[in-house]
Amino acid sequence: MQSSAFSFLESSPFQNSASYFLGDPNNDSLQRVYGISFPDKKQLTDYKVFLAEAAKRDHRKIGAEMGLYAIDTEYVGPGLPLWLPKGTAIAEELEKLAKETEFLAGYVRVKTPHIAKEKMYLTSGHLPHLYADSMYPPMELFEEGSVRKAGDQIKAAVKHGLDKAVAGIQKHFPQLAEAGLGNAVQQAGEILNLGEPPKGGERYYLKAMNCPHHHRIFAAEPRSYRDLPLRLAEYGTCYRYEQSGELIGLMRVRSLNMNDAHIYCTAEQFAQEFNAVNEMYLKYFKIFGIEKYVMRFSTHDPSRLTGDNAKFVNEPELWVQTENMVREVLKNSTINFVEVPNEAAFYGPKIDVQVWSVIGREFTLATNQVDFAVPRRMGLVYRDKDNTEKTPLCIHRAPLGTHERFIGFLIEHYAGNFPLWLAPEQVRVLPITEAQLDYAKGIVHELRSQMVRAELEFSNDKLQGRILRAEEARVHTMLIVGQKEQDANSVAVRLHGKGNVGARPRNEAIADIFQAIRERRA
């Protein structure tokens, strides 16, 4: 195709990137330069408009303007977001939505620790090869008696090392010894390094994924076919050591809070459970106004089950069986999907959920996976109707992905103009003069008593200046009260980005706010 319009691209939220030379982090970091071409100038112009709008909606820019989160690289570390109060409000609303939805769908909630023994990840297969590069280095911990023993060994080694160092200086470098100088400390340090660490230590890893912990919860009690399907849900915090060059705002982080759940079921229950998860995705799409999406159905590559380039669990029959099961569910539903080979998880086929924001930017939002391998590796069984032990299938699902990535998407999707139920500051009450202050305080109290995020702002500034501040802060609803409103027990309602929508009786306006939040209106 011949191009008649070409342009180099300036840095933007998704064009600004770097790469290590030859992919080796020990080499220099190189800056990528992007160019793009189109058949005609109109398409190039439209694309530049899209880039400009995307830059305005950059979640890093809006997140800083709204005070949603901070990343403190000096004291906390890169890729480790600190959620500020307004960002936490959004995260908690999403968590509330997930908990309500999952409760109605028959999920039960669990909580798991942030660390675990190396043994668990070796058993699950995440270590030593598949996930080692994505996990933080292990901590080697010792039992209390071993710690005391280690302390005694270190003390003895220090004394021995220093004695030997001093003796060596006196013997071989008498002139330095006489001067009270020498490299005794350096030599002592070298001697100490020869000592072996105490035996009996165990390695612990920061949790990079929730599934092995949930598998151990399944194994904690005897299970029967009557217990299935068992749906375990948790907003679990995970830690993944992403390469520094891959970190970008909230989209790629090292600490993530995941809307996770694992469904343990029989093969006969699989289709209904898997389809119910897909329907949950569609429900969320409707709530957030996501109109364009596609499910990327990732399958395995039969040539990579064995050998040096093995990528998938070597269970060829189970791969075919589970892929056919997923394919059948997708075909029998109204789900928009495409099939992609060689991108499955190591333990089974998966679906990656691709969505587009209102301006047409594509995001990978969440995942839905089938696991036929790890439950068997971890010895998970239930007693079936015929009194035999069988291994359940496991569905891994995270419809809202992580707080970090999903909120990053929503910031750009809404350009920071969140719907009322999700807005960090839902209502701001503005009395015109001090004479309406008590009336305004009563409104704020009434709203906050029902958990509405309402604030009062009164100052000597002109009303127009206070309205402007509320607009800049993206406050969803302003209730303005002057003497006329106080006398009539009413409020003047103003909506962010829409302006004045008129006066309403106080009770009616407040009731509508409550209702809009309950319904999660767009």
Protein backbone atom coordinates (compact mmCIF):
# COMPACT_ATOMS: atom_id res chain seq x y z
CA MET A 1 0.00 0.00 0.00
CA GLN A 2 1.40 3.36 -1.00
CA SER A 3 1.37 6.02 1.70
CA SER A 4 0.64 9.67 1.00
CA ALA A 5 0.74 10.89 4.62
CA PHE A 6 3.58 10.18 7.07
CA SER A 7 4.55 11.64 10.41
CA PHE A 8 6.94 11.01 13.27
CA LEU A 9 5.03 10.67 16.51
CA GLU A 10 5.74 12.84 19.51
CA SER A 11 5.74 11.27 22.97
CA SER A 12 2.31 10.26 24.18
CA PRO A 13 0.91 7.95 26.87
CA PHE A 14 1.54 4.93 24.71
CA GLN A 15 4.35 6.04 22.37
CA ASN A 16 6.91 6.95 25.05
CA SER A 17 8.92 3.80 25.66
CA ALA A 18 12.42 2.43 25.82
CA SER A 19 14.15 -0.88 25.34
CA TYR A 20 17.41 -2.41 26.48
CA PHE A 21 19.85 -3.16 23.67
CA LEU A 22 19.35 -6.82 22.65
CA GLY A 23 16.79 -7.12 25.44
CA ASP A 24 19.52 -7.36 28.06
CA PRO A 25 18.98 -5.11 31.15
CA ASN A 26 22.77 -4.97 31.58
CA ASN A 27 23.04 -3.08 28.28
CA ASP A 28 22.25 0.57 27.56
CA SER A 29 18.62 1.70 27.43
CA LEU A 30 17.57 2.85 23.97
CA GLN A 31 14.71 5.21 23.15
CA ARG A 32 12.24 4.05 20.56
CA VAL A 33 11.30 6.45 17.73
CA TYR A 34 7.86 5.90 16.21
CA GLY A 35 6.54 6.85 12.82
CA ILE A 36 3.21 6.14 11.18
CA SER A 37 1.71 6.43 7.73
CA PHE A 38 -1.81 6.57 6.30
CA PRO A 39 -3.27 6.36 2.80
CA ASP A 40 -4.45 9.97 2.98
CA LYS A 41 -3.92 13.14 5.01
CA LYS A 42 -7.41 13.08 6.56
CA GLN A 43 -6.71 9.79 8.32
CA LEU A 44 -3.39 11.16 9.57
CA THR A 45 -5.15 14.31 10.83
CA ASP A 46 -7.83 12.23 12.58
CA TYR A 47 -5.13 10.12 14.20
CA LYS A 48 -3.31 13.19 15.51
CA VAL A 49 -6.60 14.43 16.99
CA PHE A 50 -6.98 11.05 18.68
CA LEU A 51 -3.44 11.30 20.11
CA ALA A 52 -4.10 14.80 21.42
CA GLU A 53 -7.30 13.64 23.15
CA ALA A 54 -5.50 10.62 24.59
CA ALA A 55 -2.81 12.92 26.01
CA LYS A 56 -5.50 15.04 27.70
CA ARG A 57 -6.96 11.88 29.23
CA ASP A 58 -3.62 10.42 30.36
CA HIS A 59 -4.37 8.83 33.73
CA ARG A 60 -1.03 9.98 35.11
CA LYS A 61 -1.85 13.62 34.36
CA ILE A 62 -5.45 13.47 35.61
CA GLY A 63 -4.50 11.30 38.59
CA ALA A 64 -2.07 14.00 39.74
CA GLU A 65 -4.58 16.82 39.13
CA MET A 66 -7.27 15.04 41.13
CA GLY A 67 -4.95 13.76 43.87
CA LEU A 68 -5.87 10.10 43.33
CA TYR A 69 -2.55 8.34 43.85
CA ALA A 70 1.17 8.94 44.22
CA ILE A 71 4.27 6.93 43.39
CA ASP A 72 7.14 7.72 45.75
CA THR A 73 10.20 6.24 44.06
CA GLU A 74 12.63 7.56 46.69
CA TYR A 75 11.10 6.10 49.86
CA VAL A 76 8.57 3.48 48.74
CA GLY A 77 9.83 2.37 45.33
CA PRO A 78 8.90 2.47 41.64
CA GLY A 79 5.71 0.71 40.62
CA LEU A 80 4.30 0.75 44.16
CA PRO A 81 1.32 3.15 44.14
CA LEU A 82 0.17 4.94 47.27
CA TRP A 83 -3.59 5.38 47.11
CA LEU A 84 -4.55 8.84 48.36
CA PRO A 85 -7.99 9.36 49.99
CA LYS A 86 -9.76 10.25 46.73
CA GLY A 87 -8.24 7.34 44.83
CA THR A 88 -9.06 5.02 47.71
CA ALA A 89 -12.70 6.10 47.47
CA ILE A 90 -12.80 4.89 43.85
CA ALA A 91 -11.08 1.61 44.73
CA GLU A 92 -13.51 0.95 47.57
CA GLU A 93 -16.52 1.62 45.33
CA LEU A 94 -15.20 -0.93 42.81
CA GLU A 95 -14.60 -3.42 45.59
CA LYS A 96 -18.11 -2.85 46.91
CA LEU A 97 -19.54 -3.47 43.42
CA ALA A 98 -17.55 -6.69 43.08
CA LYS A 99 -18.53 -7.97 46.52
CA GLU A 100 -22.23 -7.30 45.93
CA THR A 101 -22.15 -8.91 42.49
CA GLU A 102 -20.20 -11.95 43.67
CA PHE A 103 -22.38 -12.44 46.75
CA LEU A 104 -25.49 -12.62 44.56
CA ALA A 105 -23.66 -15.08 42.28
CA GLY A 106 -22.90 -17.46 45.16
CA TYR A 107 -19.26 -16.63 45.87
CA VAL A 108 -17.76 -16.87 49.35
CA ARG A 109 -14.96 -14.55 50.46
CA VAL A 110 -11.57 -15.61 51.77
CA LYS A 111 -8.37 -13.84 52.84
CA THR A 112 -4.81 -15.05 52.39
CA PRO A 113 -1.37 -13.86 53.57
CA HIS A 114 1.00 -11.84 51.43
CA ILE A 115 3.84 -14.37 51.58
CA ALA A 116 4.23 -18.13 51.28
CA LYS A 117 6.89 -20.82 51.37
CA GLU A 118 8.85 -21.65 48.26
CA LYS A 119 7.47 -25.20 48.52
CA MET A 120 4.00 -24.03 47.51
CA TYR A 121 5.19 -22.37 44.30
CA LEU A 122 7.44 -25.33 43.43
CA THR A 123 4.45 -27.64 43.84
CA SER A 124 2.14 -25.43 41.77
CA GLY A 125 4.74 -25.15 39.00
CA HIS A 126 5.11 -21.37 39.15
CA LEU A 127 8.72 -21.99 40.24
CA PRO A 128 11.48 -22.59 39.36
CA HIS A 129 11.12 -21.44 35.74
CA LEU A 130 7.71 -20.13 34.74
CA TYR A 131 7.30 -17.16 37.08
CA ALA A 132 10.71 -16.74 38.71
CA ASP A 133 11.56 -13.63 36.67
CA SER A 134 8.29 -11.96 37.71
CA MET A 135 8.60 -12.65 41.43
CA TYR A 136 10.50 -10.66 44.04
CA PRO A 137 13.65 -12.41 45.30
CA PRO A 138 13.01 -14.83 48.16
CA MET A 139 13.52 -14.14 51.85
CA GLU A 140 15.48 -16.80 53.74
CA LEU A 141 14.01 -17.15 57.22
CA PHE A 142 15.10 -19.23 60.18
CA GLU A 143 13.29 -20.59 63.18
CA GLU A 144 14.03 -18.89 66.52
CA GLY A 145 16.61 -21.49 67.61
CA SER A 146 18.38 -21.26 64.27
CA VAL A 147 18.54 -17.47 64.59
CA ARG A 148 20.29 -17.76 67.97
CA LYS A 149 22.66 -20.31 66.48
CA ALA A 150 23.35 -17.98 63.57
CA GLY A 151 24.12 -15.15 65.98
CA ASP A 152 26.61 -17.32 67.89
CA GLN A 153 28.26 -18.37 64.63
CA ILE A 154 28.59 -14.77 63.47
CA LYS A 155 30.06 -13.65 66.81
CA ALA A 156 32.61 -16.47 66.73
CA ALA A 157 33.49 -15.74 63.11
CA VAL A 158 33.98 -12.03 63.85
CA LYS A 159 36.32 -12.76 66.78
CA HIS A 160 38.23 -15.39 64.81
CA GLY A 161 38.51 -13.17 61.75
CA LEU A 162 39.75 -10.13 63.61
CA ASP A 163 42.22 -12.16 65.64
CA LYS A 164 43.58 -13.76 62.50
CA ALA A 165 43.76 -10.44 60.67
CA VAL A 166 45.64 -8.72 63.47
CA ALA A 167 48.03 -11.67 63.81
CA GLY A 168 48.68 -11.61 60.08
CA ILE A 169 49.50 -7.92 60.09
CA GLN A 170 51.84 -8.32 63.06
CA LYS A 171 53.65 -11.21 61.38
CA HIS A 172 53.92 -10.00 57.81
CA PHE A 173 53.71 -6.20 58.11
CA PRO A 174 55.36 -5.28 61.42
CA GLN A 175 55.93 -1.72 60.31
CA LEU A 176 52.18 -1.25 59.74
CA ALA A 177 51.41 -2.93 63.03
CA GLU A 178 53.76 -0.57 64.82
CA ALA A 179 52.02 2.36 63.15
CA GLY A 180 48.60 0.97 64.15
CA LEU A 181 47.56 0.83 60.52
CA GLY A 182 46.68 -1.91 58.03
CA ASN A 183 43.82 -3.55 56.29
CA ALA A 184 42.64 -5.62 59.21
CA VAL A 185 39.00 -4.71 58.68
CA GLN A 186 39.12 -5.63 55.00
CA GLN A 187 40.82 -8.96 55.74
CA ALA A 188 38.37 -9.70 58.55
CA GLY A 189 35.48 -9.08 56.19
CA GLU A 190 36.97 -11.49 53.66
CA ILE A 191 37.40 -14.13 56.35
CA LEU A 192 33.81 -13.69 57.52
CA ASN A 193 32.56 -14.22 54.00
CA LEU A 194 34.06 -17.72 54.08
CA GLY A 195 31.59 -18.78 56.75
CA GLU A 196 28.54 -20.76 55.65
CA PRO A 197 25.04 -19.57 56.65
CA PRO A 198 23.34 -21.61 59.36
CA LYS A 199 21.42 -24.65 58.23
CA GLY A 200 17.64 -24.99 58.49
CA GLY A 201 16.47 -21.80 56.75
CA GLU A 202 13.33 -21.74 54.58
CA ARG A 203 12.64 -19.52 51.61
CA TYR A 204 9.52 -17.36 51.49
CA TYR A 205 8.24 -15.39 48.51
CA LEU A 206 5.98 -12.36 48.26
CA LYS A 207 2.71 -13.50 46.72
CA ALA A 208 2.74 -12.96 42.94
CA MET A 209 -0.63 -14.62 42.38
CA ASN A 210 -3.55 -15.70 44.57
CA CYS A 211 -4.33 -19.09 43.03
CA PRO A 212 -1.94 -21.34 45.02
CA HIS A 213 -3.23 -19.84 48.29
CA HIS A 214 -6.82 -20.51 47.20
CA HIS A 215 -5.88 -24.06 46.25
CA ARG A 216 -4.63 -24.61 49.79
CA ILE A 217 -7.94 -23.27 51.13
CA PHE A 218 -9.74 -25.85 48.98
CA ALA A 219 -7.44 -28.52 50.41
CA ALA A 220 -7.94 -27.37 54.00
CA GLU A 221 -11.20 -29.33 54.37
CA PRO A 222 -12.58 -32.60 52.94
CA ARG A 223 -14.65 -31.85 49.83
CA SER A 224 -17.62 -33.65 48.34
CA TYR A 225 -19.36 -33.27 44.97
CA ARG A 226 -22.13 -31.62 47.01
CA ASP A 227 -19.73 -28.74 47.80
CA LEU A 228 -19.19 -27.96 44.11
CA PRO A 229 -19.14 -25.54 42.48
CA LEU A 230 -17.08 -23.77 45.17
CA ARG A 231 -16.42 -20.12 44.32
CA LEU A 232 -13.66 -18.51 46.41
CA ALA A 233 -13.26 -14.74 46.00
CA GLU A 234 -10.69 -12.29 47.31
CA TYR A 235 -9.40 -8.81 46.55
CA GLY A 236 -5.89 -10.11 47.04
CA THR A 237 -2.72 -8.00 46.96
CA CYS A 238 0.01 -9.44 44.75
CA TYR A 239 3.58 -8.34 44.04
CA ARG A 240 5.33 -8.79 40.71
CA TYR A 241 8.80 -7.55 39.92
CA GLU A 242 8.16 -5.94 36.55
CA GLN A 243 11.21 -4.55 34.76
CA SER A 244 11.72 -0.85 35.49
CA GLY A 245 11.45 0.05 31.80
CA GLU A 246 7.99 -1.57 31.67
CA LEU A 247 6.48 0.43 34.55
CA ILE A 248 3.94 3.05 33.49
CA GLY A 249 1.65 4.85 35.94
CA LEU A 250 -1.10 2.52 37.11
CA MET A 251 -1.08 0.40 33.97
CA ARG A 252 2.05 -1.59 34.83
CA VAL A 253 2.95 -1.77 38.52
CA ARG A 254 4.70 -4.01 41.03
CA SER A 255 1.95 -4.00 43.68
CA LEU A 256 -1.55 -4.87 42.50
CA ASN A 257 -4.92 -5.45 44.15
CA MET A 258 -6.74 -8.08 42.12
CA ASN A 259 -10.46 -8.78 41.78
CA ASP A 260 -9.67 -12.47 41.95
CA ALA A 261 -11.71 -15.63 42.34
CA HIS A 262 -11.30 -19.33 41.69
CA ILE A 263 -14.21 -21.59 40.87
CA TYR A 264 -13.77 -25.31 41.57
CA CYS A 265 -16.24 -27.40 39.62
CA THR A 266 -16.86 -30.69 37.86
CA ALA A 267 -16.59 -31.10 34.10
CA GLU A 268 -20.40 -31.23 33.93
CA GLN A 269 -20.68 -27.89 35.74
CA PHE A 270 -18.00 -26.17 33.69
CA ALA A 271 -20.11 -24.73 30.84
CA GLN A 272 -22.63 -23.09 33.17
CA GLU A 273 -19.91 -21.65 35.43
CA PHE A 274 -17.76 -20.37 32.59
CA ASN A 275 -20.73 -18.76 30.87
CA ALA A 276 -21.81 -17.13 34.15
CA VAL A 277 -18.39 -15.51 34.41
CA ASN A 278 -18.71 -14.16 30.87
CA GLU A 279 -22.15 -12.77 31.71
CA MET A 280 -20.60 -11.01 34.70
CA TYR A 281 -18.18 -9.28 32.32
CA LEU A 282 -21.07 -8.10 30.17
CA LYS A 283 -22.87 -6.71 33.23
CA TYR A 284 -19.79 -4.70 34.17
CA PHE A 285 -19.39 -3.44 30.60
CA LYS A 286 -22.92 -2.04 30.75
CA ILE A 287 -22.33 -0.32 34.11
CA PHE A 288 -19.15 1.39 32.86
CA GLY A 289 -20.41 2.25 29.40
CA ILE A 290 -17.96 -0.06 27.60
CA GLU A 291 -19.51 -0.58 24.18
CA LYS A 292 -16.66 -2.19 22.26
CA TYR A 293 -14.89 -5.31 23.50
CA VAL A 294 -13.52 -8.63 22.31
CA MET A 295 -12.59 -11.82 24.16
CA ARG A 296 -9.20 -13.19 22.99
CA PHE A 297 -9.46 -16.95 23.35
CA SER A 298 -5.87 -18.17 23.75
CA THR A 299 -5.01 -21.80 23.01
CA HIS A 300 -1.84 -23.90 23.28
CA ASP A 301 0.74 -24.92 20.70
CA PRO A 302 1.02 -28.74 20.53
CA SER A 303 4.68 -28.44 19.49
CA ARG A 304 5.57 -26.80 22.80
CA LEU A 305 4.43 -29.45 25.27
CA THR A 306 7.86 -31.04 25.59
CA GLY A 307 11.51 -30.27 24.90
CA ASP A 308 13.70 -27.28 25.62
CA ASN A 309 11.10 -24.81 24.36
CA ALA A 310 8.22 -26.34 26.35
CA LYS A 311 5.73 -23.67 27.35
CA PHE A 312 2.64 -25.64 28.35
CA VAL A 313 1.81 -28.56 30.67
CA ASN A 314 2.30 -31.83 28.84
CA GLU A 315 -1.31 -33.04 28.91
CA PRO A 316 -2.31 -33.14 25.21
CA GLU A 317 -5.71 -34.78 25.72
CA LEU A 318 -6.74 -32.34 28.46
CA TRP A 319 -5.66 -29.40 26.30
CA VAL A 320 -7.92 -30.52 23.47
CA GLN A 321 -10.79 -31.31 25.85
CA THR A 322 -10.73 -27.99 27.77
CA GLU A 323 -10.19 -25.88 24.65
CA ASN A 324 -13.21 -27.53 23.03
CA MET A 325 -15.24 -26.85 26.19
CA VAL A 326 -14.35 -23.15 26.17
CA ARG A 327 -14.91 -22.85 22.42
CA GLU A 328 -18.36 -24.44 22.75
CA VAL A 329 -19.41 -22.04 25.52
CA LEU A 330 -18.28 -19.03 23.50
CA LYS A 331 -20.04 -20.19 20.34
CA ASN A 332 -23.30 -20.82 22.22
CA SER A 333 -23.27 -17.33 23.73
CA THR A 334 -23.45 -13.88 22.21
CA ILE A 335 -19.86 -13.15 23.25
CA ASN A 336 -17.66 -11.45 20.65
CA PHE A 337 -14.42 -13.47 20.54
CA VAL A 338 -11.36 -14.28 18.43
CA GLU A 339 -9.10 -17.33 18.73
CA VAL A 340 -5.36 -16.80 19.23
CA PRO A 341 -2.92 -19.77 19.19
CA ASN A 342 0.14 -20.22 21.43
CA GLU A 343 -0.88 -17.67 24.10
CA ALA A 344 -2.61 -19.86 26.68
CA ALA A 345 -1.54 -19.97 30.33
CA PHE A 346 0.89 -22.81 31.10
CA TYR A 347 -1.90 -24.74 32.86
CA GLY A 348 -4.83 -24.25 30.46
CA PRO A 349 -6.66 -22.12 27.89
CA LYS A 350 -7.51 -18.54 28.79
CA ILE A 351 -9.49 -15.52 27.67
CA ASP A 352 -7.96 -12.03 27.72
CA VAL A 353 -10.59 -9.31 27.74
CA GLN A 354 -9.82 -6.42 25.39
CA VAL A 355 -11.92 -3.26 25.75
CA TRP A 356 -11.93 0.13 24.05
CA SER A 357 -12.41 3.46 25.83
CA VAL A 358 -14.82 6.09 24.55
CA ILE A 359 -12.09 7.61 22.35
CA GLY A 360 -11.16 4.25 20.87
CA ARG A 361 -8.02 3.38 22.82
CA GLU A 362 -7.58 -0.36 23.41
CA PHE A 363 -6.85 -1.83 26.85
CA THR A 364 -6.27 -5.36 28.13
CA LEU A 365 -8.57 -5.32 31.14
CA ALA A 366 -8.94 -8.75 32.68
CA THR A 367 -8.55 -12.49 32.22
CA ASN A 368 -10.59 -15.68 32.49
CA GLN A 369 -8.63 -18.95 32.60
CA VAL A 370 -9.22 -22.69 32.77
CA ASP A 371 -6.85 -24.75 34.90
CA PHE A 372 -6.79 -28.53 34.57
CA ALA A 373 -3.18 -29.02 35.71
CA VAL A 374 -2.35 -27.20 38.94
CA PRO A 375 -5.24 -28.66 41.04
CA ARG A 376 -3.85 -32.10 40.23
CA ARG A 377 -0.27 -31.04 41.03
CA MET A 378 -1.42 -29.71 44.41
CA GLY A 379 -3.41 -32.82 45.25
CA LEU A 380 -6.87 -31.21 45.20
CA VAL A 381 -9.64 -33.82 45.27
CA TYR A 382 -13.32 -34.16 46.03
CA ARG A 383 -15.31 -37.32 46.68
CA ASP A 384 -17.75 -37.97 43.86
CA LYS A 385 -21.14 -39.71 43.85
CA ASP A 386 -19.50 -43.09 43.28
CA ASN A 387 -17.29 -42.53 46.36
CA THR A 388 -14.11 -42.13 44.27
CA GLU A 389 -11.72 -39.21 44.53
CA LYS A 390 -11.58 -36.87 41.55
CA THR A 391 -9.71 -33.66 40.76
CA PRO A 392 -11.85 -30.56 40.11
CA LEU A 393 -11.43 -28.17 37.23
CA CYS A 394 -10.54 -24.64 38.29
CA ILE A 395 -11.68 -21.42 36.61
CA HIS A 396 -9.48 -18.42 37.36
CA ARG A 397 -11.34 -15.15 36.80
CA ALA A 398 -10.82 -11.44 37.48
CA PRO A 399 -13.55 -9.42 35.71
CA LEU A 400 -12.43 -6.08 37.15
CA GLY A 401 -8.76 -6.95 36.75
CA THR A 402 -6.71 -5.02 39.29
CA HIS A 403 -7.56 -1.77 41.03
CA GLU A 404 -4.51 -0.24 39.44
CA ARG A 405 -5.11 -1.09 35.79
CA PHE A 406 -8.90 -0.77 35.95
CA ILE A 407 -8.84 2.63 37.64
CA GLY A 408 -6.19 3.76 35.17
CA PHE A 409 -8.57 2.73 32.39
CA LEU A 410 -11.56 4.44 34.01
CA ILE A 411 -9.66 7.70 34.51
CA GLU A 412 -8.96 7.82 30.77
CA HIS A 413 -12.38 6.44 29.81
CA TYR A 414 -14.21 9.15 31.79
CA ALA A 415 -11.44 11.77 31.48
CA GLY A 416 -11.73 12.07 35.27
CA ASN A 417 -15.43 12.99 35.05
CA PHE A 418 -16.68 10.01 37.02
CA PRO A 419 -20.38 9.19 37.39
CA LEU A 420 -21.88 10.19 40.73
CA TRP A 421 -21.56 6.77 42.41
CA LEU A 422 -17.86 6.56 41.54
CA ALA A 423 -16.81 10.20 41.92
CA PRO A 424 -14.18 10.74 44.67
CA GLU A 425 -16.09 13.82 45.84
CA GLN A 426 -19.73 13.29 45.05
CA VAL A 427 -21.31 16.47 46.40
CA ARG A 428 -20.02 19.87 47.48
CA VAL A 429 -22.38 22.23 49.29
CA LEU A 430 -21.75 25.94 48.74
CA PRO A 431 -23.55 28.46 51.00
CA ILE A 432 -23.55 31.91 49.44
CA THR A 433 -23.19 33.80 52.72
CA GLU A 434 -22.53 32.96 56.35
CA ALA A 435 -26.26 33.27 57.03
CA GLN A 436 -26.81 29.94 55.20
CA LEU A 437 -23.92 28.13 56.89
CA ASP A 438 -26.00 26.15 59.40
CA TYR A 439 -28.51 25.21 56.69
CA ALA A 440 -25.63 23.98 54.49
CA LYS A 441 -24.11 22.00 57.37
CA GLY A 442 -27.45 20.25 57.87
CA ILE A 443 -27.47 19.17 54.22
CA VAL A 444 -23.92 17.84 54.45
CA HIS A 445 -24.78 15.91 57.62
CA GLU A 446 -27.85 14.38 55.98
CA LEU A 447 -25.79 13.25 52.98
CA ARG A 448 -22.84 11.92 54.97
CA SER A 449 -25.15 9.99 57.30
CA GLN A 450 -25.92 7.85 54.23
CA MET A 451 -22.23 7.49 53.29
CA VAL A 452 -22.35 10.10 50.53
CA ARG A 453 -18.96 11.75 50.03
CA ALA A 454 -20.15 15.31 50.63
CA GLU A 455 -18.08 18.33 51.62
CA LEU A 456 -18.86 21.90 52.67
CA GLU A 457 -16.91 24.84 51.30
CA PHE A 458 -17.41 28.31 52.69
CA SER A 459 -14.95 31.15 52.43
CA ASN A 460 -14.84 34.86 51.72
CA ASP A 461 -14.20 34.10 48.05
CA LYS A 462 -16.90 34.97 45.58
CA LEU A 463 -19.34 32.18 44.75
CA GLN A 464 -18.12 32.06 41.14
CA GLY A 465 -14.58 31.36 42.32
CA ARG A 466 -15.74 28.51 44.56
CA ILE A 467 -17.80 27.04 41.70
CA LEU A 468 -14.71 27.19 39.47
CA ARG A 469 -12.65 25.33 42.07
CA ALA A 470 -15.30 22.61 42.32
CA GLU A 471 -15.37 22.30 38.53
CA GLU A 472 -11.57 22.01 38.38
CA ALA A 473 -11.71 19.34 41.11
CA ARG A 474 -14.31 17.46 39.02
CA VAL A 475 -16.85 17.42 41.85
CA HIS A 476 -19.90 15.71 40.38
CA THR A 477 -22.72 17.71 42.04
CA MET A 478 -22.78 21.15 43.62
CA LEU A 479 -25.65 22.22 45.85
CA ILE A 480 -25.75 26.00 46.13
CA VAL A 481 -27.80 27.57 48.88
CA GLY A 482 -28.62 31.25 49.31
CA GLN A 483 -31.26 32.96 51.41
CA LYS A 484 -33.96 32.16 48.84
CA GLU A 485 -33.13 28.43 48.92
CA GLN A 486 -32.95 28.40 52.72
CA ASP A 487 -36.36 30.06 53.05
CA ALA A 488 -37.89 27.60 50.57
CA ASN A 489 -36.06 24.55 52.03
CA SER A 490 -34.56 23.94 48.58
CA VAL A 491 -31.19 23.80 46.81
CA ALA A 492 -29.87 25.06 43.48
CA VAL A 493 -28.30 22.07 41.70
CA ARG A 494 -25.27 22.36 39.47
CA LEU A 495 -23.64 19.37 37.72
CA HIS A 496 -20.01 19.17 36.68
CA GLY A 497 -19.60 19.95 33.01
CA LYS A 498 -23.33 20.67 32.57
CA GLY A 499 -23.82 23.79 34.64
CA ASN A 500 -26.94 24.91 36.49
CA VAL A 501 -29.89 22.52 36.23
CA GLY A 502 -32.25 24.54 38.43
CA ALA A 503 -33.63 24.70 41.94
CA ARG A 504 -35.23 21.65 43.55
CA PRO A 505 -36.80 20.92 46.93
CA ARG A 506 -34.10 19.80 49.34
CA ASN A 507 -35.68 16.41 50.12
CA GLU A 508 -36.25 15.67 46.44
CA ALA A 509 -32.70 16.58 45.42
CA ILE A 510 -31.15 14.50 48.21
CA ALA A 511 -33.44 11.53 47.50
CA ASP A 512 -32.36 11.62 43.85
CA ILE A 513 -28.68 11.62 44.87
CA PHE A 514 -29.27 8.57 47.05
CA GLN A 515 -31.12 6.81 44.25
CA ALA A 516 -28.51 7.60 41.58
CA ILE A 517 -25.76 6.18 43.78
CA ARG A 518 -27.73 3.03 44.61
CA GLU A 519 -28.48 2.42 40.91
CA ARG A 520 -24.92 3.26 39.86
CA ARG A 521 -26.25 5.49 37.11
CA ALA A 522 -23.85 6.26 34.29
